[in-house]
Amino acid sequence: AWLREHYAQPLRIEALARAANMSASSLHHHFKAVTAMSPLQYQKRLRLLEARRLMLGEACDAATAAHHVGYQSPSQFSREYARQFGAPPARDLREIRERSRVS
């Protein structure tokens, strides 16, 4: 729950582990067992999904969306976005809009 509310903030595993009353390694192990992702991977996915929502639903450009969800570097955002969704932001959004017009 904390990660969903604070996805744009830097992730500090030690602080998260303390809040959960666990060691950092125990938190990592349990988190991965439940989500199949590390806490950092989970945060990254939350950020990218929210950025995609902002670009589609609120007409934000990629740089604005990237900054809003906590990315300092638009180029890193674009790389991670393409890795997650299979295309850079502009192409992904164009393809989503084209598919929604067809259906």
N, C-alpha and C. Protein backbone atom coordinates (compact mmCIF):
# COMPACT_ATOMS: atom_id res chain seq x y z
N ALA A 1 0.83 -1.19 0.00
CA ALA A 1 0.00 0.00 0.00
C ALA A 1 0.87 1.25 0.00
N TRP A 2 1.94 1.27 0.81
CA TRP A 2 2.80 2.45 0.85
C TRP A 2 3.40 2.73 -0.52
N LEU A 3 3.85 1.69 -1.20
CA LEU A 3 4.46 1.89 -2.51
C LEU A 3 3.46 2.47 -3.51
N ARG A 4 2.22 2.02 -3.47
CA ARG A 4 1.21 2.55 -4.40
C ARG A 4 0.95 4.03 -4.15
N GLU A 5 1.03 4.45 -2.91
CA GLU A 5 0.78 5.86 -2.58
C GLU A 5 2.00 6.75 -2.78
N HIS A 6 3.19 6.18 -2.71
CA HIS A 6 4.43 6.97 -2.76
C HIS A 6 5.35 6.53 -3.89
N TYR A 7 4.79 6.01 -4.98
CA TYR A 7 5.61 5.47 -6.07
C TYR A 7 6.57 6.50 -6.68
N ALA A 8 6.24 7.78 -6.61
CA ALA A 8 7.08 8.80 -7.22
C ALA A 8 8.29 9.17 -6.36
N GLN A 9 8.29 8.74 -5.12
CA GLN A 9 9.40 9.06 -4.21
C GLN A 9 10.51 8.03 -4.36
N PRO A 10 11.74 8.43 -4.06
CA PRO A 10 12.83 7.44 -4.09
C PRO A 10 12.53 6.29 -3.12
N LEU A 11 12.84 5.09 -3.54
CA LEU A 11 12.56 3.91 -2.72
C LEU A 11 13.76 3.60 -1.84
N ARG A 12 13.52 3.57 -0.56
CA ARG A 12 14.56 3.22 0.41
C ARG A 12 14.14 1.91 1.08
N ILE A 13 14.75 0.84 0.62
CA ILE A 13 14.38 -0.50 1.09
C ILE A 13 14.51 -0.62 2.61
N GLU A 14 15.56 -0.04 3.16
CA GLU A 14 15.78 -0.15 4.61
C GLU A 14 14.62 0.48 5.38
N ALA A 15 14.16 1.64 4.93
CA ALA A 15 13.04 2.32 5.60
C ALA A 15 11.75 1.52 5.44
N LEU A 16 11.54 0.98 4.25
CA LEU A 16 10.35 0.16 4.00
C LEU A 16 10.39 -1.10 4.88
N ALA A 17 11.56 -1.71 4.99
CA ALA A 17 11.72 -2.90 5.82
C ALA A 17 11.46 -2.58 7.29
N ARG A 18 11.98 -1.45 7.76
CA ARG A 18 11.73 -1.04 9.15
C ARG A 18 10.24 -0.85 9.40
N ALA A 19 9.55 -0.21 8.45
CA ALA A 19 8.11 0.03 8.59
C ALA A 19 7.34 -1.29 8.65
N ALA A 20 7.85 -2.30 7.95
CA ALA A 20 7.21 -3.62 7.95
C ALA A 20 7.74 -4.51 9.07
N ASN A 21 8.66 -3.97 9.87
CA ASN A 21 9.27 -4.70 10.98
C ASN A 21 9.99 -5.96 10.48
N MET A 22 10.76 -5.80 9.41
CA MET A 22 11.52 -6.91 8.82
C MET A 22 12.93 -6.42 8.48
N SER A 23 13.80 -7.36 8.24
CA SER A 23 15.11 -7.00 7.69
C SER A 23 14.92 -6.71 6.20
N ALA A 24 15.88 -6.01 5.62
CA ALA A 24 15.79 -5.69 4.19
C ALA A 24 15.76 -6.97 3.36
N SER A 25 16.58 -7.95 3.71
CA SER A 25 16.60 -9.19 2.92
C SER A 25 15.30 -9.97 3.07
N SER A 26 14.73 -9.97 4.26
CA SER A 26 13.46 -10.65 4.48
C SER A 26 12.33 -9.96 3.70
N LEU A 27 12.32 -8.63 3.73
CA LEU A 27 11.32 -7.89 2.96
C LEU A 27 11.43 -8.23 1.48
N HIS A 28 12.65 -8.20 0.97
CA HIS A 28 12.87 -8.49 -0.45
C HIS A 28 12.36 -9.89 -0.79
N HIS A 29 12.70 -10.86 0.04
CA HIS A 29 12.30 -12.25 -0.19
C HIS A 29 10.77 -12.39 -0.17
N HIS A 30 10.12 -11.86 0.85
CA HIS A 30 8.66 -11.97 0.96
C HIS A 30 7.95 -11.19 -0.13
N PHE A 31 8.46 -10.02 -0.44
CA PHE A 31 7.85 -9.19 -1.48
C PHE A 31 7.89 -9.92 -2.82
N LYS A 32 9.03 -10.49 -3.14
CA LYS A 32 9.19 -11.20 -4.41
C LYS A 32 8.32 -12.46 -4.44
N ALA A 33 8.15 -13.12 -3.31
CA ALA A 33 7.31 -14.31 -3.26
C ALA A 33 5.85 -13.97 -3.56
N VAL A 34 5.41 -12.79 -3.14
CA VAL A 34 4.02 -12.39 -3.33
C VAL A 34 3.79 -11.76 -4.70
N THR A 35 4.73 -10.93 -5.17
CA THR A 35 4.50 -10.16 -6.40
C THR A 35 5.26 -10.68 -7.61
N ALA A 36 6.21 -11.57 -7.40
CA ALA A 36 7.11 -12.06 -8.46
C ALA A 36 8.02 -10.95 -8.98
N MET A 37 8.14 -9.86 -8.21
CA MET A 37 9.01 -8.74 -8.56
C MET A 37 9.73 -8.26 -7.30
N SER A 38 10.86 -7.62 -7.51
CA SER A 38 11.51 -6.96 -6.38
C SER A 38 10.74 -5.68 -6.08
N PRO A 39 10.93 -5.10 -4.90
CA PRO A 39 10.25 -3.82 -4.61
C PRO A 39 10.58 -2.74 -5.65
N LEU A 40 11.83 -2.69 -6.10
CA LEU A 40 12.21 -1.70 -7.10
C LEU A 40 11.51 -1.95 -8.44
N GLN A 41 11.43 -3.21 -8.85
CA GLN A 41 10.73 -3.54 -10.10
C GLN A 41 9.25 -3.18 -9.99
N TYR A 42 8.66 -3.44 -8.84
CA TYR A 42 7.26 -3.12 -8.60
C TYR A 42 7.04 -1.61 -8.68
N GLN A 43 7.91 -0.85 -8.03
CA GLN A 43 7.81 0.61 -8.08
C GLN A 43 7.93 1.11 -9.52
N LYS A 44 8.87 0.56 -10.25
CA LYS A 44 9.07 0.97 -11.64
C LYS A 44 7.81 0.71 -12.46
N ARG A 45 7.21 -0.45 -12.26
CA ARG A 45 5.98 -0.79 -12.99
C ARG A 45 4.86 0.19 -12.62
N LEU A 46 4.70 0.49 -11.34
CA LEU A 46 3.69 1.47 -10.92
C LEU A 46 3.92 2.82 -11.60
N ARG A 47 5.17 3.26 -11.61
CA ARG A 47 5.50 4.55 -12.23
C ARG A 47 5.15 4.55 -13.72
N LEU A 48 5.54 3.49 -14.40
CA LEU A 48 5.31 3.44 -15.85
C LEU A 48 3.82 3.35 -16.18
N LEU A 49 3.08 2.58 -15.41
CA LEU A 49 1.63 2.50 -15.63
C LEU A 49 0.96 3.84 -15.40
N GLU A 50 1.37 4.55 -14.35
CA GLU A 50 0.79 5.86 -14.07
C GLU A 50 1.18 6.87 -15.15
N ALA A 51 2.41 6.82 -15.61
CA ALA A 51 2.83 7.72 -16.69
C ALA A 51 2.02 7.45 -17.95
N ARG A 52 1.80 6.20 -18.27
CA ARG A 52 0.98 5.84 -19.44
C ARG A 52 -0.44 6.38 -19.28
N ARG A 53 -0.99 6.24 -18.09
CA ARG A 53 -2.34 6.75 -17.83
C ARG A 53 -2.38 8.27 -18.00
N LEU A 54 -1.37 8.96 -17.49
CA LEU A 54 -1.32 10.41 -17.62
C LEU A 54 -1.23 10.84 -19.08
N MET A 55 -0.42 10.14 -19.85
CA MET A 55 -0.25 10.51 -21.26
C MET A 55 -1.52 10.23 -22.06
N LEU A 56 -2.20 9.14 -21.75
CA LEU A 56 -3.43 8.80 -22.47
C LEU A 56 -4.62 9.61 -21.99
N GLY A 57 -4.80 9.67 -20.69
CA GLY A 57 -6.01 10.26 -20.13
C GLY A 57 -5.95 11.75 -19.89
N GLU A 58 -4.74 12.28 -19.70
CA GLU A 58 -4.63 13.69 -19.36
C GLU A 58 -3.81 14.47 -20.38
N ALA A 59 -3.48 13.80 -21.48
CA ALA A 59 -2.75 14.42 -22.59
C ALA A 59 -1.42 15.05 -22.17
N CYS A 60 -0.76 14.45 -21.19
CA CYS A 60 0.58 14.91 -20.79
C CYS A 60 1.58 14.45 -21.85
N ASP A 61 2.62 15.24 -22.07
CA ASP A 61 3.69 14.74 -22.92
C ASP A 61 4.57 13.82 -22.08
N ALA A 62 5.44 13.08 -22.75
CA ALA A 62 6.25 12.07 -22.06
C ALA A 62 7.14 12.68 -20.99
N ALA A 63 7.76 13.81 -21.27
CA ALA A 63 8.67 14.41 -20.29
C ALA A 63 7.92 14.85 -19.03
N THR A 64 6.73 15.42 -19.21
CA THR A 64 5.93 15.86 -18.07
C THR A 64 5.47 14.65 -17.25
N ALA A 65 4.99 13.62 -17.94
CA ALA A 65 4.54 12.41 -17.24
C ALA A 65 5.71 11.77 -16.50
N ALA A 66 6.87 11.71 -17.15
CA ALA A 66 8.05 11.12 -16.52
C ALA A 66 8.40 11.85 -15.23
N HIS A 67 8.43 13.16 -15.30
CA HIS A 67 8.75 13.96 -14.12
C HIS A 67 7.70 13.76 -13.03
N HIS A 68 6.44 13.73 -13.42
CA HIS A 68 5.34 13.59 -12.45
C HIS A 68 5.44 12.29 -11.66
N VAL A 69 5.88 11.21 -12.31
CA VAL A 69 5.95 9.91 -11.63
C VAL A 69 7.31 9.64 -11.00
N GLY A 70 8.21 10.63 -11.03
CA GLY A 70 9.46 10.49 -10.29
C GLY A 70 10.72 10.26 -11.08
N TYR A 71 10.66 10.29 -12.40
CA TYR A 71 11.87 10.13 -13.20
C TYR A 71 12.58 11.47 -13.33
N GLN A 72 13.89 11.47 -13.14
CA GLN A 72 14.69 12.68 -13.32
C GLN A 72 15.16 12.81 -14.77
N SER A 73 15.31 11.68 -15.45
CA SER A 73 15.85 11.67 -16.80
C SER A 73 14.79 11.20 -17.80
N PRO A 74 14.37 12.07 -18.73
CA PRO A 74 13.40 11.64 -19.75
C PRO A 74 13.93 10.49 -20.61
N SER A 75 15.24 10.47 -20.88
CA SER A 75 15.78 9.38 -21.71
C SER A 75 15.72 8.05 -20.96
N GLN A 76 15.99 8.06 -19.66
CA GLN A 76 15.87 6.82 -18.89
C GLN A 76 14.41 6.37 -18.85
N PHE A 77 13.51 7.32 -18.67
CA PHE A 77 12.08 7.01 -18.69
C PHE A 77 11.70 6.35 -20.01
N SER A 78 12.13 6.93 -21.11
CA SER A 78 11.79 6.39 -22.43
C SER A 78 12.33 4.97 -22.61
N ARG A 79 13.57 4.75 -22.17
CA ARG A 79 14.16 3.39 -22.26
C ARG A 79 13.36 2.39 -21.44
N GLU A 80 13.05 2.75 -20.20
CA GLU A 80 12.33 1.82 -19.33
C GLU A 80 10.90 1.62 -19.81
N TYR A 81 10.29 2.67 -20.34
CA TYR A 81 8.94 2.57 -20.89
C TYR A 81 8.93 1.58 -22.06
N ALA A 82 9.89 1.73 -22.97
CA ALA A 82 9.97 0.83 -24.13
C ALA A 82 10.22 -0.61 -23.68
N ARG A 83 11.04 -0.79 -22.67
CA ARG A 83 11.29 -2.13 -22.14
C ARG A 83 10.00 -2.73 -21.57
N GLN A 84 9.21 -1.92 -20.89
CA GLN A 84 7.98 -2.40 -20.25
C GLN A 84 6.87 -2.66 -21.26
N PHE A 85 6.68 -1.73 -22.21
CA PHE A 85 5.52 -1.80 -23.09
C PHE A 85 5.84 -2.19 -24.53
N GLY A 86 7.12 -2.37 -24.85
CA GLY A 86 7.49 -2.84 -26.18
C GLY A 86 7.66 -1.75 -27.23
N ALA A 87 7.49 -0.50 -26.85
CA ALA A 87 7.67 0.61 -27.79
C ALA A 87 7.90 1.88 -26.98
N PRO A 88 8.60 2.86 -27.57
CA PRO A 88 8.76 4.13 -26.86
C PRO A 88 7.40 4.82 -26.66
N PRO A 89 7.32 5.77 -25.75
CA PRO A 89 6.02 6.36 -25.41
C PRO A 89 5.20 6.86 -26.59
N ALA A 90 5.79 7.65 -27.47
CA ALA A 90 5.01 8.23 -28.58
C ALA A 90 4.40 7.14 -29.46
N ARG A 91 5.20 6.14 -29.81
CA ARG A 91 4.69 5.07 -30.68
C ARG A 91 3.65 4.22 -29.95
N ASP A 92 3.90 3.92 -28.70
CA ASP A 92 2.95 3.13 -27.92
C ASP A 92 1.60 3.83 -27.85
N LEU A 93 1.61 5.11 -27.54
CA LEU A 93 0.35 5.85 -27.43
C LEU A 93 -0.37 5.93 -28.76
N ARG A 94 0.40 6.16 -29.83
CA ARG A 94 -0.21 6.19 -31.17
C ARG A 94 -0.88 4.85 -31.48
N GLU A 95 -0.20 3.75 -31.19
CA GLU A 95 -0.76 2.42 -31.47
C GLU A 95 -1.99 2.15 -30.62
N ILE A 96 -1.97 2.56 -29.36
CA ILE A 96 -3.14 2.37 -28.49
C ILE A 96 -4.33 3.15 -29.04
N ARG A 97 -4.09 4.39 -29.44
CA ARG A 97 -5.18 5.22 -29.98
C ARG A 97 -5.72 4.65 -31.28
N GLU A 98 -4.82 4.14 -32.14
CA GLU A 98 -5.27 3.53 -33.40
C GLU A 98 -6.11 2.29 -33.12
N ARG A 99 -5.68 1.46 -32.18
CA ARG A 99 -6.46 0.26 -31.84
C ARG A 99 -7.82 0.62 -31.27
N SER A 100 -7.87 1.68 -30.47
CA SER A 100 -9.16 2.04 -29.86
C SER A 100 -10.11 2.62 -30.90
N ARG A 101 -9.60 3.24 -31.96
CA ARG A 101 -10.46 3.73 -33.04
C ARG A 101 -11.02 2.59 -33.86
N VAL A 102 -10.23 1.53 -34.04
CA VAL A 102 -10.65 0.38 -34.84
C VAL A 102 -11.71 -0.43 -34.12
N SER A 103 -11.59 -0.56 -32.80
CA SER A 103 -12.54 -1.42 -32.08
C SER A 103 -13.84 -0.76 -31.77
